[in-house]
PDB file of N, CA and C in Angstrom:
ATOM      1  N   MET A   1     129.356 -86.279-114.807  1.00  0.00           N
ATOM      2  CA  MET A   1     130.347 -85.879-113.822  1.00  0.00           C
ATOM      3  C   MET A   1     131.542 -86.829-113.845  1.00  0.00           C
ATOM      4  N   GLU A   2     131.280 -88.096-114.042  1.00  0.00           N
ATOM      5  CA  GLU A   2     132.373 -89.069-114.096  1.00  0.00           C
ATOM      6  C   GLU A   2     133.347 -88.756-115.230  1.00  0.00           C
ATOM      7  N   ASP A   3     132.816 -88.258-116.349  1.00  0.00           N
ATOM      8  CA  ASP A   3     133.686 -87.896-117.466  1.00  0.00           C
ATOM      9  C   ASP A   3     134.637 -86.773-117.079  1.00  0.00           C
ATOM     10  N   ALA A   4     134.144 -85.797-116.320  1.00  0.00           N
ATOM     11  CA  ALA A   4     134.989 -84.688-115.873  1.00  0.00           C
ATOM     12  C   ALA A   4     136.090 -85.186-114.948  1.00  0.00           C
ATOM     13  N   PHE A   5     135.740 -86.082-114.025  1.00  0.00           N
ATOM     14  CA  PHE A   5     136.746 -86.659-113.136  1.00  0.00           C
ATOM     15  C   PHE A   5     137.792 -87.436-113.926  1.00  0.00           C
ATOM     16  N   GLU A   6     137.348 -88.218-114.883  1.00  0.00           N
ATOM     17  CA  GLU A   6     138.263 -89.032-115.683  1.00  0.00           C
ATOM     18  C   GLU A   6     139.214 -88.156-116.498  1.00  0.00           C
ATOM     19  N   CYS A   7     138.691 -87.109-117.095  1.00  0.00           N
ATOM     20  CA  CYS A   7     139.542 -86.194-117.881  1.00  0.00           C
ATOM     21  C   CYS A   7     140.566 -85.506-116.987  1.00  0.00           C
ATOM     22  N   ALA A   8     140.125 -85.014-115.836  1.00  0.00           N
ATOM     23  CA  ALA A   8     141.050 -84.357-114.907  1.00  0.00           C
ATOM     24  C   ALA A   8     142.091 -85.345-114.398  1.00  0.00           C
ATOM     25  N   ARG A   9     141.669 -86.550-114.078  1.00  0.00           N
ATOM     26  CA  ARG A   9     142.597 -87.577-113.598  1.00  0.00           C
ATOM     27  C   ARG A   9     143.651 -87.888-114.662  1.00  0.00           C
ATOM     28  N   ASN A  10     143.223 -88.000-115.916  1.00  0.00           N
ATOM     29  CA  ASN A  10     144.166 -88.260-117.004  1.00  0.00           C
ATOM     30  C   ASN A  10     145.193 -87.143-117.121  1.00  0.00           C
ATOM     31  N   CYS A  11     144.745 -85.901-116.985  1.00  0.00           N
ATOM     32  CA  CYS A  11     145.669 -84.759-117.057  1.00  0.00           C
ATOM     33  C   CYS A  11     146.669 -84.784-115.910  1.00  0.00           C
ATOM     34  N   ILE A  12     146.185 -85.077-114.727  1.00  0.00           N
ATOM     35  CA  ILE A  12     147.047 -85.074-113.542  1.00  0.00           C
ATOM     36  C   ILE A  12     148.055 -86.212-113.583  1.00  0.00           C
ATOM     37  N   GLU A  13     147.638 -87.372-114.069  1.00  0.00           N
ATOM     38  CA  GLU A  13     148.517 -88.534-114.085  1.00  0.00           C
ATOM     39  C   GLU A  13     149.525 -88.521-115.235  1.00  0.00           C
ATOM     40  N   ALA A  14     149.280 -87.694-116.245  1.00  0.00           N
ATOM     41  CA  ALA A  14     150.212 -87.617-117.377  1.00  0.00           C
ATOM     42  C   ALA A  14     151.533 -87.006-116.912  1.00  0.00           C
ATOM     43  N   LYS A  15     152.605 -87.414-117.547  1.00  0.00           N
ATOM     44  CA  LYS A  15     153.912 -86.892-117.188  1.00  0.00           C
ATOM     45  C   LYS A  15     154.100 -85.521-117.839  1.00  0.00           C
ATOM     46  N   ALA A  16     153.965 -84.474-117.047  1.00  0.00           N
ATOM     47  CA  ALA A  16     154.097 -83.106-117.547  1.00  0.00           C
ATOM     48  C   ALA A  16     155.570 -82.738-117.647  1.00  0.00           C
ATOM     49  N   GLN A  17     155.980 -82.327-118.846  1.00  0.00           N
ATOM     50  CA  GLN A  17     157.380 -81.973-119.055  1.00  0.00           C
ATOM     51  C   GLN A  17     157.579 -80.487-119.311  1.00  0.00           C
ATOM     52  N   THR A  18     156.677 -79.882-120.056  1.00  0.00           N
ATOM     53  CA  THR A  18     156.818 -78.462-120.364  1.00  0.00           C
ATOM     54  C   THR A  18     156.023 -77.639-119.347  1.00  0.00           C
ATOM     55  N   GLU A  19     156.300 -76.348-119.326  1.00  0.00           N
ATOM     56  CA  GLU A  19     155.561 -75.464-118.425  1.00  0.00           C
ATOM     57  C   GLU A  19     154.072 -75.452-118.761  1.00  0.00           C
ATOM     58  N   SER A  20     153.755 -75.485-120.037  1.00  0.00           N
ATOM     59  CA  SER A  20     152.348 -75.498-120.457  1.00  0.00           C
ATOM     60  C   SER A  20     151.646 -76.756-119.957  1.00  0.00           C
ATOM     61  N   GLN A  21     152.318 -77.876-120.051  1.00  0.00           N
ATOM     62  CA  GLN A  21     151.732 -79.120-119.566  1.00  0.00           C
ATOM     63  C   GLN A  21     151.541 -79.092-118.052  1.00  0.00           C
ATOM     64  N   LYS A  22     152.487 -78.500-117.339  1.00  0.00           N
ATOM     65  CA  LYS A  22     152.363 -78.374-115.880  1.00  0.00           C
ATOM     66  C   LYS A  22     151.180 -77.487-115.512  1.00  0.00           C
ATOM     67  N   GLU A  23     150.934 -76.456-116.304  1.00  0.00           N
ATOM     68  CA  GLU A  23     149.797 -75.574-116.034  1.00  0.00           C
ATOM     69  C   GLU A  23     148.470 -76.283-116.309  1.00  0.00           C
ATOM     70  N   ILE A  24     148.458 -77.195-117.263  1.00  0.00           N
ATOM     71  CA  ILE A  24     147.253 -77.992-117.500  1.00  0.00           C
ATOM     72  C   ILE A  24     146.959 -78.856-116.277  1.00  0.00           C
ATOM     73  N   VAL A  25     147.999 -79.415-115.687  1.00  0.00           N
ATOM     74  CA  VAL A  25     147.835 -80.202-114.459  1.00  0.00           C
ATOM     75  C   VAL A  25     147.277 -79.310-113.349  1.00  0.00           C
ATOM     76  N   ASN A  26     147.850 -78.113-113.200  1.00  0.00           N
ATOM     77  CA  ASN A  26     147.376 -77.194-112.160  1.00  0.00           C
ATOM     78  C   ASN A  26     145.925 -76.797-112.384  1.00  0.00           C
ATOM     79  N   ARG A  27     145.573 -76.546-113.632  1.00  0.00           N
ATOM     80  CA  ARG A  27     144.186 -76.189-113.942  1.00  0.00           C
ATOM     81  C   ARG A  27     143.251 -77.354-113.629  1.00  0.00           C
ATOM     82  N   SER A  28     143.725 -78.565-113.836  1.00  0.00           N
ATOM     83  CA  SER A  28     142.926 -79.750-113.524  1.00  0.00           C
ATOM     84  C   SER A  28     142.673 -79.853-112.023  1.00  0.00           C
ATOM     85  N   TYR A  29     143.680 -79.509-111.216  1.00  0.00           N
ATOM     86  CA  TYR A  29     143.481 -79.510-109.766  1.00  0.00           C
ATOM     87  C   TYR A  29     142.435 -78.474-109.355  1.00  0.00           C
ATOM     88  N   VAL A  30     142.468 -77.300-109.991  1.00  0.00           N
ATOM     89  CA  VAL A  30     141.464 -76.276-109.690  1.00  0.00           C
ATOM     90  C   VAL A  30     140.078 -76.780-110.062  1.00  0.00           C
ATOM     91  N   LEU A  31     139.960 -77.381-111.224  1.00  0.00           N
ATOM     92  CA  LEU A  31     138.667 -77.927-111.663  1.00  0.00           C
ATOM     93  C   LEU A  31     138.154 -78.954-110.657  1.00  0.00           C
ATOM     94  N   LEU A  32     139.011 -79.881-110.266  1.00  0.00           N
ATOM     95  CA  LEU A  32     138.592 -80.890-109.288  1.00  0.00           C
ATOM     96  C   LEU A  32     138.193 -80.241-107.970  1.00  0.00           C
ATOM     97  N   GLY A  33     138.949 -79.243-107.543  1.00  0.00           N
ATOM     98  CA  GLY A  33     138.610 -78.538-106.307  1.00  0.00           C
ATOM     99  C   GLY A  33     137.223 -77.936-106.362  1.00  0.00           C
ATOM    100  N   TYR A  34     136.894 -77.308-107.487  1.00  0.00           N
ATOM    101  CA  TYR A  34     135.574 -76.706-107.636  1.00  0.00           C
ATOM    102  C   TYR A  34     134.468 -77.770-107.682  1.00  0.00           C
ATOM    103  N   ILE A  35     134.740 -78.875-108.347  1.00  0.00           N
ATOM    104  CA  ILE A  35     133.745 -79.952-108.396  1.00  0.00           C
ATOM    105  C   ILE A  35     133.499 -80.516-106.999  1.00  0.00           C
ATOM    106  N   PHE A  36     134.574 -80.777-106.273  1.00  0.00           N
ATOM    107  CA  PHE A  36     134.420 -81.290-104.908  1.00  0.00           C
ATOM    108  C   PHE A  36     133.684 -80.283-104.023  1.00  0.00           C
ATOM    109  N   TYR A  37     133.980 -78.999-104.218  1.00  0.00           N
ATOM    110  CA  TYR A  37     133.314 -77.947-103.454  1.00  0.00           C
ATOM    111  C   TYR A  37     131.807 -77.978-103.699  1.00  0.00           C
ATOM    112  N   GLU A  38     131.427 -78.115-104.949  1.00  0.00           N
ATOM    113  CA  GLU A  38     130.003 -78.175-105.297  1.00  0.00           C
ATOM    114  C   GLU A  38     129.323 -79.403-104.705  1.00  0.00           C
ATOM    115  N   GLN A  39     130.083 -80.474-104.548  1.00  0.00           N
ATOM    116  CA  GLN A  39     129.534 -81.711-103.985  1.00  0.00           C
ATOM    117  C   GLN A  39     129.616 -81.719-102.459  1.00  0.00           C
ATOM    118  N   MET A  40     130.076 -80.617-101.886  1.00  0.00           N
ATOM    119  CA  MET A  40     130.245 -80.486-100.438  1.00  0.00           C
ATOM    120  C   MET A  40     131.257 -81.475 -99.866  1.00  0.00           C
ATOM    121  N   ALA A  41     132.188 -81.914-100.696  1.00  0.00           N
ATOM    122  CA  ALA A  41     133.298 -82.758-100.239  1.00  0.00           C
ATOM    123  C   ALA A  41     134.462 -81.806 -99.956  1.00  0.00           C
ATOM    124  N   LEU A  42     134.322 -81.044 -98.873  1.00  0.00           N
ATOM    125  CA  LEU A  42     135.219 -79.927 -98.626  1.00  0.00           C
ATOM    126  C   LEU A  42     136.663 -80.334 -98.369  1.00  0.00           C
ATOM    127  N   SER A  43     136.899 -81.431 -97.679  1.00  0.00           N
ATOM    128  CA  SER A  43     138.288 -81.844 -97.431  1.00  0.00           C
ATOM    129  C   SER A  43     138.967 -82.218 -98.741  1.00  0.00           C
ATOM    130  N   LYS A  44     138.234 -82.855 -99.640  1.00  0.00           N
ATOM    131  CA  LYS A  44     138.790 -83.184-100.957  1.00  0.00           C
ATOM    132  C   LYS A  44     139.017 -81.917-101.769  1.00  0.00           C
ATOM    133  N   ALA A  45     138.120 -80.952-101.648  1.00  0.00           N
ATOM    134  CA  ALA A  45     138.275 -79.686-102.367  1.00  0.00           C
ATOM    135  C   ALA A  45     139.533 -78.958-101.909  1.00  0.00           C
ATOM    136  N   VAL A  46     139.733 -78.898-100.603  1.00  0.00           N
ATOM    137  CA  VAL A  46     140.919 -78.235-100.063  1.00  0.00           C
ATOM    138  C   VAL A  46     142.182 -78.944-100.529  1.00  0.00           C
ATOM    139  N   THR A  47     142.178 -80.256-100.476  1.00  0.00           N
ATOM    140  CA  THR A  47     143.350 -81.025-100.907  1.00  0.00           C
ATOM    141  C   THR A  47     143.678 -80.743-102.367  1.00  0.00           C
ATOM    142  N   ALA A  48     142.668 -80.756-103.232  1.00  0.00           N
ATOM    143  CA  ALA A  48     142.899 -80.503-104.659  1.00  0.00           C
ATOM    144  C   ALA A  48     143.405 -79.084-104.885  1.00  0.00           C
ATOM    145  N   LEU A  49     142.780 -78.100-104.245  1.00  0.00           N
ATOM    146  CA  LEU A  49     143.184 -76.712-104.448  1.00  0.00           C
ATOM    147  C   LEU A  49     144.581 -76.434-103.903  1.00  0.00           C
ATOM    148  N   ARG A  50     144.964 -77.102-102.853  1.00  0.00           N
ATOM    149  CA  ARG A  50     146.301 -76.894-102.283  1.00  0.00           C
ATOM    150  C   ARG A  50     147.414 -77.533-103.119  1.00  0.00           C
ATOM    151  N   MET A  51     147.048 -78.337-104.081  1.00  0.00           N
ATOM    152  CA  MET A  51     148.056 -78.940-104.967  1.00  0.00           C
ATOM    153  C   MET A  51     148.590 -77.934-105.983  1.00  0.00           C
ATOM    154  N   VAL A  52     147.922 -76.802-106.135  1.00  0.00           N
ATOM    155  CA  VAL A  52     148.350 -75.777-107.095  1.00  0.00           C
ATOM    156  C   VAL A  52     149.467 -74.957-106.449  1.00  0.00           C
ATOM    157  N   PRO A  53     150.677 -74.991-107.009  1.00  0.00           N
ATOM    158  CA  PRO A  53     151.800 -74.257-106.416  1.00  0.00           C
ATOM    159  C   PRO A  53     151.645 -72.748-106.576  1.00  0.00           C
ATOM    160  N   LYS A  54     152.292 -71.997-105.684  1.00  0.00           N
ATOM    161  CA  LYS A  54     152.229 -70.538-105.732  1.00  0.00           C
ATOM    162  C   LYS A  54     152.775 -69.975-107.042  1.00  0.00           C
ATOM    163  N   SER A  55     153.648 -70.694-107.677  1.00  0.00           N
ATOM    164  CA  SER A  55     154.254 -70.230-108.926  1.00  0.00           C
ATOM    165  C   SER A  55     153.323 -70.388-110.127  1.00  0.00           C
ATOM    166  N   SER A  56     152.200 -71.056-109.948  1.00  0.00           N
ATOM    167  CA  SER A  56     151.276 -71.331-111.044  1.00  0.00           C
ATOM    168  C   SER A  56     150.434 -70.113-111.405  1.00  0.00           C
ATOM    169  N   TYR A  57     150.127 -70.015-112.676  1.00  0.00           N
ATOM    170  CA  TYR A  57     149.202 -69.004-113.174  1.00  0.00           C
ATOM    171  C   TYR A  57     147.842 -69.156-112.498  1.00  0.00           C
ATOM    172  N   TYR A  58     147.472 -70.374-112.135  1.00  0.00           N
ATOM    173  CA  TYR A  58     146.166 -70.677-111.560  1.00  0.00           C
ATOM    174  C   TYR A  58     146.124 -70.573-110.040  1.00  0.00           C
ATOM    175  N   PHE A  59     147.220 -70.141-109.429  1.00  0.00           N
ATOM    176  CA  PHE A  59     147.249 -70.040-107.970  1.00  0.00           C
ATOM    177  C   PHE A  59     146.180 -69.085-107.458  1.00  0.00           C
ATOM    178  N   GLU A  60     146.057 -67.914-108.062  1.00  0.00           N
ATOM    179  CA  GLU A  60     145.047 -66.950-107.632  1.00  0.00           C
ATOM    180  C   GLU A  60     143.646 -67.445-107.957  1.00  0.00           C
ATOM    181  N   THR A  61     143.492 -68.155-109.063  1.00  0.00           N
ATOM    182  CA  THR A  61     142.189 -68.678-109.466  1.00  0.00           C
ATOM    183  C   THR A  61     141.646 -69.647-108.427  1.00  0.00           C
ATOM    184  N   ARG A  62     142.514 -70.422-107.822  1.00  0.00           N
ATOM    185  CA  ARG A  62     142.056 -71.432-106.867  1.00  0.00           C
ATOM    186  C   ARG A  62     141.391 -70.804-105.661  1.00  0.00           C
ATOM    187  N   CYS A  63     141.684 -69.552-105.387  1.00  0.00           N
ATOM    188  CA  CYS A  63     141.097 -68.865-104.233  1.00  0.00           C
ATOM    189  C   CYS A  63     140.182 -67.727-104.673  1.00  0.00           C
ATOM    190  N   SER A  64     139.510 -67.916-105.765  1.00  0.00           N
ATOM    191  CA  SER A  64     138.578 -66.903-106.249  1.00  0.00           C
ATOM    192  C   SER A  64     137.378 -66.808-105.315  1.00  0.00           C
ATOM    193  N   ASP A  65     136.457 -65.954-105.660  1.00  0.00           N
ATOM    194  CA  ASP A  65     135.246 -65.796-104.850  1.00  0.00           C
ATOM    195  C   ASP A  65     134.482 -67.104-104.736  1.00  0.00           C
ATOM    196  N   TYR A  66     134.637 -67.966-105.720  1.00  0.00           N
ATOM    197  CA  TYR A  66     133.905 -69.229-105.749  1.00  0.00           C
ATOM    198  C   TYR A  66     134.277 -70.135-104.582  1.00  0.00           C
ATOM    199  N   ALA A  67     135.571 -70.323-104.377  1.00  0.00           N
ATOM    200  CA  ALA A  67     136.026 -71.234-103.322  1.00  0.00           C
ATOM    201  C   ALA A  67     136.890 -70.508-102.297  1.00  0.00           C
ATOM    202  N   GLY A  68     136.783 -69.200-102.254  1.00  0.00           N
ATOM    203  CA  GLY A  68     137.594 -68.395-101.347  1.00  0.00           C
ATOM    204  C   GLY A  68     137.601 -68.856 -99.901  1.00  0.00           C
ATOM    205  N   PRO A  69     136.444 -69.222 -99.341  1.00  0.00           N
ATOM    206  CA  PRO A  69     136.448 -69.663 -97.935  1.00  0.00           C
ATOM    207  C   PRO A  69     137.354 -70.859 -97.675  1.00  0.00           C
ATOM    208  N   LEU A  70     137.588 -71.659 -98.695  1.00  0.00           N
ATOM    209  CA  LEU A  70     138.464 -72.822 -98.503  1.00  0.00           C
ATOM    210  C   LEU A  70     139.922 -72.420 -98.417  1.00  0.00           C
ATOM    211  N   CYS A  71     140.252 -71.228 -98.878  1.00  0.00           N
ATOM    212  CA  CYS A  71     141.633 -70.785 -98.913  1.00  0.00           C
ATOM    213  C   CYS A  71     141.933 -69.767 -97.820  1.00  0.00           C
ATOM    214  N   ALA A  72     140.985 -69.534 -96.940  1.00  0.00           N
ATOM    215  CA  ALA A  72     141.178 -68.562 -95.865  1.00  0.00           C
ATOM    216  C   ALA A  72     142.291 -69.029 -94.938  1.00  0.00           C
ATOM    217  N   PRO A  73     143.046 -68.080 -94.378  1.00  0.00           N
ATOM    218  CA  PRO A  73     144.116 -68.459 -93.446  1.00  0.00           C
ATOM    219  C   PRO A  73     143.554 -69.207 -92.230  1.00  0.00           C
ATOM    220  N   VAL A  74     144.307 -70.203 -91.810  1.00  0.00           N
ATOM    221  CA  VAL A  74     143.946 -70.977 -90.631  1.00  0.00           C
ATOM    222  C   VAL A  74     145.117 -70.891 -89.674  1.00  0.00           C
ATOM    223  N   ASN A  75     144.900 -70.342 -88.495  1.00  0.00           N
ATOM    224  CA  ASN A  75     145.961 -70.190 -87.489  1.00  0.00           C
ATOM    225  C   ASN A  75     147.191 -69.492 -88.058  1.00  0.00           C
ATOM    226  N   GLY A  76     146.950 -68.452 -88.855  1.00  0.00           N
ATOM    227  CA  GLY A  76     148.053 -67.681 -89.405  1.00  0.00           C
ATOM    228  C   GLY A  76     148.695 -68.285 -90.631  1.00  0.00           C
ATOM    229  N   MET A  77     148.225 -69.439 -91.067  1.00  0.00           N
ATOM    230  CA  MET A  77     148.810 -70.107 -92.227  1.00  0.00           C
ATOM    231  C   MET A  77     147.849 -69.969 -93.402  1.00  0.00           C
ATOM    232  N   THR A  78     148.410 -69.816 -94.601  1.00  0.00           N
ATOM    233  CA  THR A  78     147.573 -69.766 -95.785  1.00  0.00           C
ATOM    234  C   THR A  78     147.677 -71.082 -96.527  1.00  0.00           C
ATOM    235  N   ALA A  79     146.668 -71.359 -97.308  1.00  0.00           N
ATOM    236  CA  ALA A  79     146.638 -72.610 -98.072  1.00  0.00           C
ATOM    237  C   ALA A  79     147.663 -72.593 -99.163  1.00  0.00           C
TER     238      ALA A  79
END
């Protein structure tokens, strides 16, 4: 598990310049969100998943059936 965190951290910390590189960062946030969700670290999962911008290809993925409850609207606001 530590290897997965380290790989995702490296992707997120790298300076993304192209759109493809930015999408790798977004995908890394989704991966971390799912890992945190599995570990029941829900606040960390929400934080990671909310880092994915609406313009990202992975925006819909972050709220899939897997972690959908974390993306549910709260007081009329969406994640």
